[in-house]
């Protein structure tokens, strides 16, 4: 599934489509830069999603507080349960580097779309 196809699927979800970057989030992106946000996304995915059994799975991603957190909920990349439900990513196995990069690319595309 392409990023655009994923966005078309996500927009049909009332829960997922209610997420948007706040002005504070947009200001933060402007302040630190998009490259720093990408690095944060890579770190959050590696630390909070990539392990086979993430700590506090299902509750590890706050609903707000960082643009990447908002993107994770908007894109159903907030926990292993959502990754399984939306993208058929199996639980109980670590995410490969390729899977992690695909998630980061989706999150960054969503953030950049929100900024435009």
PDB file of N, CA and C in Angstrom:
ATOM      1  N   UNK A   1       0.847  -1.169   0.000  1.00  0.00           N
ATOM      2  CA  UNK A   1       0.000   0.000   0.000  1.00  0.00           C
ATOM      3  C   UNK A   1       0.902   1.244   0.000  1.00  0.00           C
ATOM      4  N   UNK A   2       0.591   2.193  -0.857  1.00  0.00           N
ATOM      5  CA  UNK A   2       1.363   3.431  -0.910  1.00  0.00           C
ATOM      6  C   UNK A   2       0.958   4.347   0.247  1.00  0.00           C
ATOM      7  N   UNK A   3       1.720   5.388   0.463  1.00  0.00           N
ATOM      8  CA  UNK A   3       1.389   6.352   1.501  1.00  0.00           C
ATOM      9  C   UNK A   3       0.051   7.008   1.195  1.00  0.00           C
ATOM     10  N   UNK A   4      -0.178   7.363  -0.046  1.00  0.00           N
ATOM     11  CA  UNK A   4      -1.453   7.994  -0.408  1.00  0.00           C
ATOM     12  C   UNK A   4      -2.623   7.037  -0.201  1.00  0.00           C
ATOM     13  N   UNK A   5      -2.455   5.781  -0.553  1.00  0.00           N
ATOM     14  CA  UNK A   5      -3.506   4.784  -0.301  1.00  0.00           C
ATOM     15  C   UNK A   5      -3.754   4.627   1.197  1.00  0.00           C
ATOM     16  N   UNK A   6      -2.702   4.675   1.966  1.00  0.00           N
ATOM     17  CA  UNK A   6      -2.845   4.596   3.423  1.00  0.00           C
ATOM     18  C   UNK A   6      -3.623   5.791   3.942  1.00  0.00           C
ATOM     19  N   UNK A   7      -3.303   6.987   3.461  1.00  0.00           N
ATOM     20  CA  UNK A   7      -4.036   8.182   3.881  1.00  0.00           C
ATOM     21  C   UNK A   7      -5.516   8.065   3.529  1.00  0.00           C
ATOM     22  N   UNK A   8      -5.818   7.529   2.344  1.00  0.00           N
ATOM     23  CA  UNK A   8      -7.214   7.362   1.935  1.00  0.00           C
ATOM     24  C   UNK A   8      -7.942   6.385   2.857  1.00  0.00           C
ATOM     25  N   UNK A   9      -7.248   5.371   3.317  1.00  0.00           N
ATOM     26  CA  UNK A   9      -7.837   4.407   4.250  1.00  0.00           C
ATOM     27  C   UNK A   9      -8.031   5.052   5.627  1.00  0.00           C
ATOM     28  N   UNK A  10      -7.038   5.783   6.089  1.00  0.00           N
ATOM     29  CA  UNK A  10      -7.107   6.396   7.413  1.00  0.00           C
ATOM     30  C   UNK A  10      -8.199   7.457   7.504  1.00  0.00           C
ATOM     31  N   UNK A  11      -8.430   8.182   6.433  1.00  0.00           N
ATOM     32  CA  UNK A  11      -9.430   9.255   6.456  1.00  0.00           C
ATOM     33  C   UNK A  11     -10.846   8.697   6.665  1.00  0.00           C
ATOM     34  N   UNK A  12     -11.041   7.434   6.357  1.00  0.00           N
ATOM     35  CA  UNK A  12     -12.352   6.803   6.561  1.00  0.00           C
ATOM     36  C   UNK A  12     -12.599   6.414   8.018  1.00  0.00           C
ATOM     37  N   UNK A  13     -11.582   6.545   8.855  1.00  0.00           N
ATOM     38  CA  UNK A  13     -11.725   6.246  10.274  1.00  0.00           C
ATOM     39  C   UNK A  13     -12.024   7.536  11.037  1.00  0.00           C
ATOM     40  N   UNK A  14     -13.198   7.633  11.665  1.00  0.00           N
ATOM     41  CA  UNK A  14     -13.495   8.848  12.442  1.00  0.00           C
ATOM     42  C   UNK A  14     -12.454   9.116  13.527  1.00  0.00           C
ATOM     43  N   UNK A  15     -11.954   8.057  14.160  1.00  0.00           N
ATOM     44  CA  UNK A  15     -10.950   8.240  15.210  1.00  0.00           C
ATOM     45  C   UNK A  15      -9.640   8.761  14.632  1.00  0.00           C
ATOM     46  N   UNK A  16      -9.119   8.116  13.606  1.00  0.00           N
ATOM     47  CA  UNK A  16      -7.822   8.510  13.041  1.00  0.00           C
ATOM     48  C   UNK A  16      -7.888   9.887  12.387  1.00  0.00           C
ATOM     49  N   UNK A  17      -8.988  10.209  11.761  1.00  0.00           N
ATOM     50  CA  UNK A  17      -9.077  11.470  11.014  1.00  0.00           C
ATOM     51  C   UNK A  17      -9.285  12.694  11.911  1.00  0.00           C
ATOM     52  N   UNK A  18      -9.490  12.472  13.190  1.00  0.00           N
ATOM     53  CA  UNK A  18      -9.664  13.625  14.084  1.00  0.00           C
ATOM     54  C   UNK A  18      -8.336  14.215  14.549  1.00  0.00           C
ATOM     55  N   UNK A  19      -7.230  13.529  14.276  1.00  0.00           N
ATOM     56  CA  UNK A  19      -5.927  14.012  14.721  1.00  0.00           C
ATOM     57  C   UNK A  19      -5.366  15.031  13.735  1.00  0.00           C
ATOM     58  N   UNK A  20      -4.888  16.140  14.295  1.00  0.00           N
ATOM     59  CA  UNK A  20      -4.244  17.196  13.507  1.00  0.00           C
ATOM     60  C   UNK A  20      -3.176  17.840  14.378  1.00  0.00           C
ATOM     61  N   UNK A  21      -2.161  18.378  13.752  1.00  0.00           N
ATOM     62  CA  UNK A  21      -1.141  19.106  14.500  1.00  0.00           C
ATOM     63  C   UNK A  21      -1.723  20.409  15.031  1.00  0.00           C
ATOM     64  N   UNK A  22      -1.448  20.699  16.277  1.00  0.00           N
ATOM     65  CA  UNK A  22      -1.844  21.981  16.851  1.00  0.00           C
ATOM     66  C   UNK A  22      -0.870  23.058  16.380  1.00  0.00           C
ATOM     67  N   UNK A  23      -1.221  24.303  16.637  1.00  0.00           N
ATOM     68  CA  UNK A  23      -0.296  25.384  16.279  1.00  0.00           C
ATOM     69  C   UNK A  23       1.002  25.243  17.070  1.00  0.00           C
ATOM     70  N   UNK A  24       0.897  24.793  18.304  1.00  0.00           N
ATOM     71  CA  UNK A  24       2.096  24.572  19.126  1.00  0.00           C
ATOM     72  C   UNK A  24       2.991  23.508  18.482  1.00  0.00           C
ATOM     73  N   UNK A  25       2.387  22.426  17.971  1.00  0.00           N
ATOM     74  CA  UNK A  25       3.162  21.391  17.280  1.00  0.00           C
ATOM     75  C   UNK A  25       3.839  21.961  16.036  1.00  0.00           C
ATOM     76  N   UNK A  26       3.102  22.732  15.271  1.00  0.00           N
ATOM     77  CA  UNK A  26       3.658  23.330  14.048  1.00  0.00           C
ATOM     78  C   UNK A  26       4.805  24.283  14.378  1.00  0.00           C
ATOM     79  N   UNK A  27       4.630  25.058  15.435  1.00  0.00           N
ATOM     80  CA  UNK A  27       5.692  25.970  15.874  1.00  0.00           C
ATOM     81  C   UNK A  27       6.933  25.189  16.299  1.00  0.00           C
ATOM     82  N   UNK A  28       6.721  24.070  16.959  1.00  0.00           N
ATOM     83  CA  UNK A  28       7.845  23.235  17.396  1.00  0.00           C
ATOM     84  C   UNK A  28       8.611  22.700  16.188  1.00  0.00           C
ATOM     85  N   UNK A  29       7.887  22.228  15.177  1.00  0.00           N
ATOM     86  CA  UNK A  29       8.547  21.739  13.962  1.00  0.00           C
ATOM     87  C   UNK A  29       9.359  22.867  13.328  1.00  0.00           C
ATOM     88  N   UNK A  30       8.767  24.057  13.263  1.00  0.00           N
ATOM     89  CA  UNK A  30       9.477  25.196  12.676  1.00  0.00           C
ATOM     90  C   UNK A  30      10.733  25.535  13.484  1.00  0.00           C
ATOM     91  N   UNK A  31      10.639  25.401  14.784  1.00  0.00           N
ATOM     92  CA  UNK A  31      11.763  25.749  15.659  1.00  0.00           C
ATOM     93  C   UNK A  31      12.924  24.761  15.531  1.00  0.00           C
ATOM     94  N   UNK A  32      12.631  23.459  15.583  1.00  0.00           N
ATOM     95  CA  UNK A  32      13.709  22.465  15.597  1.00  0.00           C
ATOM     96  C   UNK A  32      14.073  21.960  14.209  1.00  0.00           C
ATOM     97  N   UNK A  33      13.174  22.110  13.259  1.00  0.00           N
ATOM     98  CA  UNK A  33      13.444  21.683  11.890  1.00  0.00           C
ATOM     99  C   UNK A  33      12.936  20.275  11.599  1.00  0.00           C
ATOM    100  N   UNK A  34      12.618  20.043  10.364  1.00  0.00           N
ATOM    101  CA  UNK A  34      12.038  18.767   9.947  1.00  0.00           C
ATOM    102  C   UNK A  34      13.024  17.606  10.099  1.00  0.00           C
ATOM    103  N   UNK A  35      14.310  17.877   9.939  1.00  0.00           N
ATOM    104  CA  UNK A  35      15.306  16.809  10.109  1.00  0.00           C
ATOM    105  C   UNK A  35      15.351  16.314  11.548  1.00  0.00           C
ATOM    106  N   UNK A  36      15.214  17.218  12.501  1.00  0.00           N
ATOM    107  CA  UNK A  36      15.184  16.828  13.915  1.00  0.00           C
ATOM    108  C   UNK A  36      13.919  16.027  14.214  1.00  0.00           C
ATOM    109  N   UNK A  37      12.819  16.419  13.621  1.00  0.00           N
ATOM    110  CA  UNK A  37      11.558  15.689  13.818  1.00  0.00           C
ATOM    111  C   UNK A  37      11.693  14.275  13.261  1.00  0.00           C
ATOM    112  N   UNK A  38      12.315  14.135  12.099  1.00  0.00           N
ATOM    113  CA  UNK A  38      12.543  12.798  11.533  1.00  0.00           C
ATOM    114  C   UNK A  38      13.399  11.954  12.488  1.00  0.00           C
ATOM    115  N   UNK A  39      14.422  12.542  13.058  1.00  0.00           N
ATOM    116  CA  UNK A  39      15.279  11.818  14.013  1.00  0.00           C
ATOM    117  C   UNK A  39      14.472  11.387  15.234  1.00  0.00           C
ATOM    118  N   UNK A  40      13.609  12.277  15.718  1.00  0.00           N
ATOM    119  CA  UNK A  40      12.744  11.922  16.845  1.00  0.00           C
ATOM    120  C   UNK A  40      11.835  10.760  16.466  1.00  0.00           C
ATOM    121  N   UNK A  41      11.269  10.801  15.254  1.00  0.00           N
ATOM    122  CA  UNK A  41      10.394   9.715  14.791  1.00  0.00           C
ATOM    123  C   UNK A  41      11.163   8.400  14.743  1.00  0.00           C
ATOM    124  N   UNK A  42      12.374   8.443  14.207  1.00  0.00           N
ATOM    125  CA  UNK A  42      13.199   7.230  14.142  1.00  0.00           C
ATOM    126  C   UNK A  42      13.462   6.680  15.541  1.00  0.00           C
ATOM    127  N   UNK A  43      13.773   7.567  16.477  1.00  0.00           N
ATOM    128  CA  UNK A  43      14.046   7.133  17.846  1.00  0.00           C
ATOM    129  C   UNK A  43      12.799   6.567  18.520  1.00  0.00           C
ATOM    130  N   UNK A  44      11.661   7.254  18.373  1.00  0.00           N
ATOM    131  CA  UNK A  44      10.426   6.778  18.992  1.00  0.00           C
ATOM    132  C   UNK A  44      10.025   5.416  18.435  1.00  0.00           C
ATOM    133  N   UNK A  45      10.125   5.248  17.132  1.00  0.00           N
ATOM    134  CA  UNK A  45       9.758   3.963  16.522  1.00  0.00           C
ATOM    135  C   UNK A  45      10.708   2.871  17.005  1.00  0.00           C
ATOM    136  N   UNK A  46      11.995   3.156  17.009  1.00  0.00           N
ATOM    137  CA  UNK A  46      12.981   2.155  17.438  1.00  0.00           C
ATOM    138  C   UNK A  46      12.801   1.770  18.902  1.00  0.00           C
ATOM    139  N   UNK A  47      12.516   2.739  19.743  1.00  0.00           N
ATOM    140  CA  UNK A  47      12.425   2.473  21.182  1.00  0.00           C
ATOM    141  C   UNK A  47      11.066   1.964  21.613  1.00  0.00           C
ATOM    142  N   UNK A  48       9.994   2.485  21.008  1.00  0.00           N
ATOM    143  CA  UNK A  48       8.648   2.215  21.509  1.00  0.00           C
ATOM    144  C   UNK A  48       7.863   1.198  20.693  1.00  0.00           C
ATOM    145  N   UNK A  49       8.232   0.975  19.437  1.00  0.00           N
ATOM    146  CA  UNK A  49       7.475   0.051  18.580  1.00  0.00           C
ATOM    147  C   UNK A  49       8.279  -1.149  18.107  1.00  0.00           C
ATOM    148  N   UNK A  50       9.563  -0.964  17.878  1.00  0.00           N
ATOM    149  CA  UNK A  50      10.368  -2.007  17.239  1.00  0.00           C
ATOM    150  C   UNK A  50      10.581  -3.268  18.073  1.00  0.00           C
ATOM    151  N   UNK A  51      10.677  -3.178  19.398  1.00  0.00           N
ATOM    152  CA  UNK A  51      10.890  -4.427  20.153  1.00  0.00           C
ATOM    153  C   UNK A  51       9.734  -5.412  19.951  1.00  0.00           C
ATOM    154  N   UNK A  52      10.050  -6.683  20.060  1.00  0.00           N
ATOM    155  CA  UNK A  52       9.025  -7.713  19.905  1.00  0.00           C
ATOM    156  C   UNK A  52       7.904  -7.533  20.927  1.00  0.00           C
ATOM    157  N   UNK A  53       8.275  -7.158  22.124  1.00  0.00           N
ATOM    158  CA  UNK A  53       7.306  -6.945  23.203  1.00  0.00           C
ATOM    159  C   UNK A  53       7.571  -5.584  23.838  1.00  0.00           C
ATOM    160  N   UNK A  54       7.084  -4.496  23.211  1.00  0.00           N
ATOM    161  CA  UNK A  54       7.357  -3.159  23.749  1.00  0.00           C
ATOM    162  C   UNK A  54       6.778  -2.980  25.151  1.00  0.00           C
ATOM    163  N   UNK A  55       7.470  -2.214  25.957  1.00  0.00           N
ATOM    164  CA  UNK A  55       6.969  -1.892  27.294  1.00  0.00           C
ATOM    165  C   UNK A  55       5.661  -1.118  27.175  1.00  0.00           C
ATOM    166  N   UNK A  56       4.706  -1.468  28.011  1.00  0.00           N
ATOM    167  CA  UNK A  56       3.407  -0.778  28.041  1.00  0.00           C
ATOM    168  C   UNK A  56       2.710  -0.751  26.692  1.00  0.00           C
ATOM    169  N   UNK A  57       2.841  -1.829  25.927  1.00  0.00           N
ATOM    170  CA  UNK A  57       2.242  -1.837  24.593  1.00  0.00           C
ATOM    171  C   UNK A  57       0.755  -1.523  24.676  1.00  0.00           C
ATOM    172  N   UNK A  58       0.328  -0.628  23.810  1.00  0.00           N
ATOM    173  CA  UNK A  58      -1.044  -0.167  23.803  1.00  0.00           C
ATOM    174  C   UNK A  58      -1.213   1.135  24.566  1.00  0.00           C
ATOM    175  N   UNK A  59      -0.216   1.483  25.347  1.00  0.00           N
ATOM    176  CA  UNK A  59      -0.273   2.718  26.131  1.00  0.00           C
ATOM    177  C   UNK A  59       1.040   3.485  26.070  1.00  0.00           C
ATOM    178  N   UNK A  60       1.924   3.101  25.151  1.00  0.00           N
ATOM    179  CA  UNK A  60       3.258   3.699  25.142  1.00  0.00           C
ATOM    180  C   UNK A  60       3.335   5.031  24.398  1.00  0.00           C
ATOM    181  N   UNK A  61       2.303   5.407  23.662  1.00  0.00           N
ATOM    182  CA  UNK A  61       2.358   6.636  22.875  1.00  0.00           C
ATOM    183  C   UNK A  61       1.343   7.647  23.398  1.00  0.00           C
ATOM    184  N   UNK A  62       1.818   8.755  23.961  1.00  0.00           N
ATOM    185  CA  UNK A  62       0.887   9.791  24.414  1.00  0.00           C
ATOM    186  C   UNK A  62       0.072  10.346  23.244  1.00  0.00           C
ATOM    187  N   UNK A  63      -1.082  10.880  23.533  1.00  0.00           N
ATOM    188  CA  UNK A  63      -1.954  11.439  22.496  1.00  0.00           C
ATOM    189  C   UNK A  63      -1.457  12.795  21.991  1.00  0.00           C
ATOM    190  N   UNK A  64      -0.665  13.470  22.800  1.00  0.00           N
ATOM    191  CA  UNK A  64      -0.145  14.780  22.412  1.00  0.00           C
ATOM    192  C   UNK A  64       1.171  15.023  23.126  1.00  0.00           C
ATOM    193  N   UNK A  65       1.783  16.168  22.836  1.00  0.00           N
ATOM    194  CA  UNK A  65       3.042  16.493  23.493  1.00  0.00           C
ATOM    195  C   UNK A  65       4.222  16.521  22.537  1.00  0.00           C
ATOM    196  N   UNK A  66       4.038  15.939  21.350  1.00  0.00           N
ATOM    197  CA  UNK A  66       5.079  15.955  20.319  1.00  0.00           C
ATOM    198  C   UNK A  66       4.396  15.676  18.986  1.00  0.00           C
ATOM    199  N   UNK A  67       4.813  16.358  17.924  1.00  0.00           N
ATOM    200  CA  UNK A  67       4.185  16.123  16.618  1.00  0.00           C
ATOM    201  C   UNK A  67       4.215  14.658  16.176  1.00  0.00           C
ATOM    202  N   UNK A  68       5.275  13.944  16.512  1.00  0.00           N
ATOM    203  CA  UNK A  68       5.366  12.535  16.119  1.00  0.00           C
ATOM    204  C   UNK A  68       4.321  11.703  16.850  1.00  0.00           C
ATOM    205  N   UNK A  69       4.041  12.011  18.108  1.00  0.00           N
ATOM    206  CA  UNK A  69       3.015  11.263  18.835  1.00  0.00           C
ATOM    207  C   UNK A  69       1.661  11.424  18.158  1.00  0.00           C
ATOM    208  N   UNK A  70       1.336  12.649  17.767  1.00  0.00           N
ATOM    209  CA  UNK A  70       0.068  12.909  17.086  1.00  0.00           C
ATOM    210  C   UNK A  70       0.026  12.133  15.771  1.00  0.00           C
ATOM    211  N   UNK A  71       1.122  12.174  15.031  1.00  0.00           N
ATOM    212  CA  UNK A  71       1.199  11.448  13.764  1.00  0.00           C
ATOM    213  C   UNK A  71       1.040   9.951  13.965  1.00  0.00           C
ATOM    214  N   UNK A  72       1.625   9.427  15.032  1.00  0.00           N
ATOM    215  CA  UNK A  72       1.515   7.997  15.297  1.00  0.00           C
ATOM    216  C   UNK A  72       0.056   7.590  15.482  1.00  0.00           C
ATOM    217  N   UNK A  73      -0.712   8.392  16.183  1.00  0.00           N
ATOM    218  CA  UNK A  73      -2.130   8.069  16.362  1.00  0.00           C
ATOM    219  C   UNK A  73      -2.908   8.282  15.069  1.00  0.00           C
ATOM    220  N   UNK A  74      -2.612   9.346  14.360  1.00  0.00           N
ATOM    221  CA  UNK A  74      -3.312   9.613  13.097  1.00  0.00           C
ATOM    222  C   UNK A  74      -3.071   8.514  12.072  1.00  0.00           C
ATOM    223  N   UNK A  75      -1.883   7.919  12.119  1.00  0.00           N
ATOM    224  CA  UNK A  75      -1.485   6.915  11.125  1.00  0.00           C
ATOM    225  C   UNK A  75      -1.601   5.477  11.629  1.00  0.00           C
ATOM    226  N   UNK A  76      -2.170   5.280  12.820  1.00  0.00           N
ATOM    227  CA  UNK A  76      -2.328   3.943  13.400  1.00  0.00           C
ATOM    228  C   UNK A  76      -0.985   3.240  13.564  1.00  0.00           C
ATOM    229  N   UNK A  77       0.003   4.012  13.994  1.00  0.00           N
ATOM    230  CA  UNK A  77       1.348   3.479  14.258  1.00  0.00           C
ATOM    231  C   UNK A  77       1.725   3.755  15.710  1.00  0.00           C
ATOM    232  N   UNK A  78       0.748   3.692  16.589  1.00  0.00           N
ATOM    233  CA  UNK A  78       0.960   4.054  17.984  1.00  0.00           C
ATOM    234  C   UNK A  78       1.317   2.871  18.865  1.00  0.00           C
ATOM    235  N   UNK A  79       0.943   1.668  18.454  1.00  0.00           N
ATOM    236  CA  UNK A  79       1.244   0.474  19.243  1.00  0.00           C
ATOM    237  C   UNK A  79       1.252  -0.737  18.316  1.00  0.00           C
ATOM    238  N   UNK A  80       1.716  -1.851  18.833  1.00  0.00           N
ATOM    239  CA  UNK A  80       1.785  -3.058  18.010  1.00  0.00           C
ATOM    240  C   UNK A  80       0.397  -3.576  17.654  1.00  0.00           C
ATOM    241  N   UNK A  81      -0.580  -3.341  18.518  1.00  0.00           N
ATOM    242  CA  UNK A  81      -1.947  -3.748  18.209  1.00  0.00           C
ATOM    243  C   UNK A  81      -2.487  -3.025  16.986  1.00  0.00           C
ATOM    244  N   UNK A  82      -2.267  -1.723  16.925  1.00  0.00           N
ATOM    245  CA  UNK A  82      -2.724  -0.946  15.768  1.00  0.00           C
ATOM    246  C   UNK A  82      -1.936  -1.313  14.517  1.00  0.00           C
ATOM    247  N   UNK A  83      -0.641  -1.536  14.663  1.00  0.00           N
ATOM    248  CA  UNK A  83       0.155  -1.957  13.501  1.00  0.00           C
ATOM    249  C   UNK A  83      -0.357  -3.288  12.960  1.00  0.00           C
ATOM    250  N   UNK A  84      -0.763  -4.170  13.856  1.00  0.00           N
ATOM    251  CA  UNK A  84      -1.294  -5.463  13.429  1.00  0.00           C
ATOM    252  C   UNK A  84      -2.649  -5.293  12.757  1.00  0.00           C
ATOM    253  N   UNK A  85      -3.528  -4.526  13.376  1.00  0.00           N
ATOM    254  CA  UNK A  85      -4.888  -4.333  12.855  1.00  0.00           C
ATOM    255  C   UNK A  85      -4.893  -3.622  11.497  1.00  0.00           C
ATOM    256  N   UNK A  86      -4.099  -2.567  11.369  1.00  0.00           N
ATOM    257  CA  UNK A  86      -4.138  -1.738  10.170  1.00  0.00           C
ATOM    258  C   UNK A  86      -3.199  -2.210   9.065  1.00  0.00           C
ATOM    259  N   UNK A  87      -2.059  -2.802   9.452  1.00  0.00           N
ATOM    260  CA  UNK A  87      -1.035  -3.114   8.458  1.00  0.00           C
ATOM    261  C   UNK A  87      -0.583  -4.574   8.472  1.00  0.00           C
ATOM    262  N   UNK A  88      -1.255  -5.393   9.262  1.00  0.00           N
ATOM    263  CA  UNK A  88      -0.926  -6.819   9.361  1.00  0.00           C
ATOM    264  C   UNK A  88       0.515  -7.076   9.798  1.00  0.00           C
ATOM    265  N   UNK A  89       1.051  -6.192  10.627  1.00  0.00           N
ATOM    266  CA  UNK A  89       2.396  -6.389  11.173  1.00  0.00           C
ATOM    267  C   UNK A  89       2.240  -7.326  12.372  1.00  0.00           C
ATOM    268  N   UNK A  90       2.865  -8.491  12.320  1.00  0.00           N
ATOM    269  CA  UNK A  90       2.668  -9.454  13.410  1.00  0.00           C
ATOM    270  C   UNK A  90       3.212  -8.964  14.747  1.00  0.00           C
ATOM    271  N   UNK A  91       2.462  -9.294  15.788  1.00  0.00           N
ATOM    272  CA  UNK A  91       2.927  -9.015  17.148  1.00  0.00           C
ATOM    273  C   UNK A  91       3.946 -10.078  17.531  1.00  0.00           C
ATOM    274  N   UNK A  92       4.772  -9.758  18.519  1.00  0.00           N
ATOM    275  CA  UNK A  92       5.683 -10.741  19.072  1.00  0.00           C
ATOM    276  C   UNK A  92       6.980 -10.940  18.316  1.00  0.00           C
ATOM    277  N   UNK A  93       7.196 -10.156  17.276  1.00  0.00           N
ATOM    278  CA  UNK A  93       8.457 -10.219  16.517  1.00  0.00           C
ATOM    279  C   UNK A  93       8.973  -8.789  16.383  1.00  0.00           C
ATOM    280  N   UNK A  94      10.266  -8.596  16.509  1.00  0.00           N
ATOM    281  CA  UNK A  94      10.795  -7.238  16.377  1.00  0.00           C
ATOM    282  C   UNK A  94      10.577  -6.701  14.958  1.00  0.00           C
ATOM    283  N   UNK A  95      10.425  -5.394  14.860  1.00  0.00           N
ATOM    284  CA  UNK A  95      10.294  -4.762  13.547  1.00  0.00           C
ATOM    285  C   UNK A  95      11.657  -4.729  12.874  1.00  0.00           C
ATOM    286  N   UNK A  96      11.677  -5.043  11.606  1.00  0.00           N
ATOM    287  CA  UNK A  96      12.921  -4.980  10.835  1.00  0.00           C
ATOM    288  C   UNK A  96      13.281  -3.517  10.582  1.00  0.00           C
ATOM    289  N   UNK A  97      14.520  -3.254  10.230  1.00  0.00           N
ATOM    290  CA  UNK A  97      14.886  -1.882   9.856  1.00  0.00           C
ATOM    291  C   UNK A  97      14.019  -1.345   8.706  1.00  0.00           C
ATOM    292  N   UNK A  98      13.669  -2.194   7.759  1.00  0.00           N
ATOM    293  CA  UNK A  98      12.814  -1.763   6.641  1.00  0.00           C
ATOM    294  C   UNK A  98      11.426  -1.385   7.145  1.00  0.00           C
ATOM    295  N   UNK A  99      10.855  -2.183   8.021  1.00  0.00           N
ATOM    296  CA  UNK A  99       9.545  -1.860   8.581  1.00  0.00           C
ATOM    297  C   UNK A  99       9.601  -0.546   9.355  1.00  0.00           C
ATOM    298  N   UNK A 100      10.647  -0.369  10.132  1.00  0.00           N
ATOM    299  CA  UNK A 100      10.791   0.869  10.894  1.00  0.00           C
ATOM    300  C   UNK A 100      10.868   2.072   9.963  1.00  0.00           C
ATOM    301  N   UNK A 101      11.631   1.943   8.887  1.00  0.00           N
ATOM    302  CA  UNK A 101      11.780   3.061   7.960  1.00  0.00           C
ATOM    303  C   UNK A 101      10.462   3.377   7.247  1.00  0.00           C
ATOM    304  N   UNK A 102       9.689   2.352   6.920  1.00  0.00           N
ATOM    305  CA  UNK A 102       8.379   2.584   6.290  1.00  0.00           C
ATOM    306  C   UNK A 102       7.455   3.341   7.240  1.00  0.00           C
ATOM    307  N   UNK A 103       7.479   2.973   8.509  1.00  0.00           N
ATOM    308  CA  UNK A 103       6.652   3.668   9.498  1.00  0.00           C
ATOM    309  C   UNK A 103       7.091   5.120   9.612  1.00  0.00           C
ATOM    310  N   UNK A 104       8.384   5.356   9.716  1.00  0.00           N
ATOM    311  CA  UNK A 104       8.903   6.727   9.822  1.00  0.00           C
ATOM    312  C   UNK A 104       8.526   7.524   8.563  1.00  0.00           C
ATOM    313  N   UNK A 105       8.629   6.937   7.408  1.00  0.00           N
ATOM    314  CA  UNK A 105       8.266   7.635   6.170  1.00  0.00           C
ATOM    315  C   UNK A 105       6.794   8.027   6.170  1.00  0.00           C
ATOM    316  N   UNK A 106       5.934   7.127   6.639  1.00  0.00           N
ATOM    317  CA  UNK A 106       4.505   7.431   6.724  1.00  0.00           C
ATOM    318  C   UNK A 106       4.257   8.562   7.714  1.00  0.00           C
ATOM    319  N   UNK A 107       4.873   8.489   8.880  1.00  0.00           N
ATOM    320  CA  UNK A 107       4.696   9.540   9.886  1.00  0.00           C
ATOM    321  C   UNK A 107       5.158  10.894   9.365  1.00  0.00           C
ATOM    322  N   UNK A 108       6.305  10.901   8.708  1.00  0.00           N
ATOM    323  CA  UNK A 108       6.833  12.164   8.193  1.00  0.00           C
ATOM    324  C   UNK A 108       5.966  12.711   7.056  1.00  0.00           C
ATOM    325  N   UNK A 109       5.434  11.850   6.222  1.00  0.00           N
ATOM    326  CA  UNK A 109       4.538  12.303   5.149  1.00  0.00           C
ATOM    327  C   UNK A 109       3.287  12.938   5.749  1.00  0.00           C
ATOM    328  N   UNK A 110       2.772  12.334   6.820  1.00  0.00           N
ATOM    329  CA  UNK A 110       1.585  12.889   7.469  1.00  0.00           C
ATOM    330  C   UNK A 110       1.910  14.256   8.075  1.00  0.00           C
ATOM    331  N   UNK A 111       3.044  14.348   8.756  1.00  0.00           N
ATOM    332  CA  UNK A 111       3.437  15.621   9.364  1.00  0.00           C
ATOM    333  C   UNK A 111       3.608  16.695   8.293  1.00  0.00           C
ATOM    334  N   UNK A 112       4.291  16.358   7.211  1.00  0.00           N
ATOM    335  CA  UNK A 112       4.507  17.335   6.147  1.00  0.00           C
ATOM    336  C   UNK A 112       3.181  17.747   5.498  1.00  0.00           C
ATOM    337  N   UNK A 113       2.272  16.832   5.384  1.00  0.00           N
ATOM    338  CA  UNK A 113       0.928  17.162   4.847  1.00  0.00           C
ATOM    339  C   UNK A 113       0.209  18.124   5.782  1.00  0.00           C
ATOM    340  N   UNK A 114       0.339  17.903   7.077  1.00  0.00           N
ATOM    341  CA  UNK A 114      -0.277  18.789   8.071  1.00  0.00           C
ATOM    342  C   UNK A 114       0.324  20.189   8.050  1.00  0.00           C
ATOM    343  N   UNK A 115       1.587  20.278   7.703  1.00  0.00           N
ATOM    344  CA  UNK A 115       2.272  21.572   7.676  1.00  0.00           C
ATOM    345  C   UNK A 115       1.947  22.392   6.433  1.00  0.00           C
ATOM    346  N   UNK A 116       1.455  21.735   5.392  1.00  0.00           N
ATOM    347  CA  UNK A 116       1.199  22.476   4.134  1.00  0.00           C
ATOM    348  C   UNK A 116      -0.161  23.133   4.123  1.00  0.00           C
TER     349      UNK A 116
END
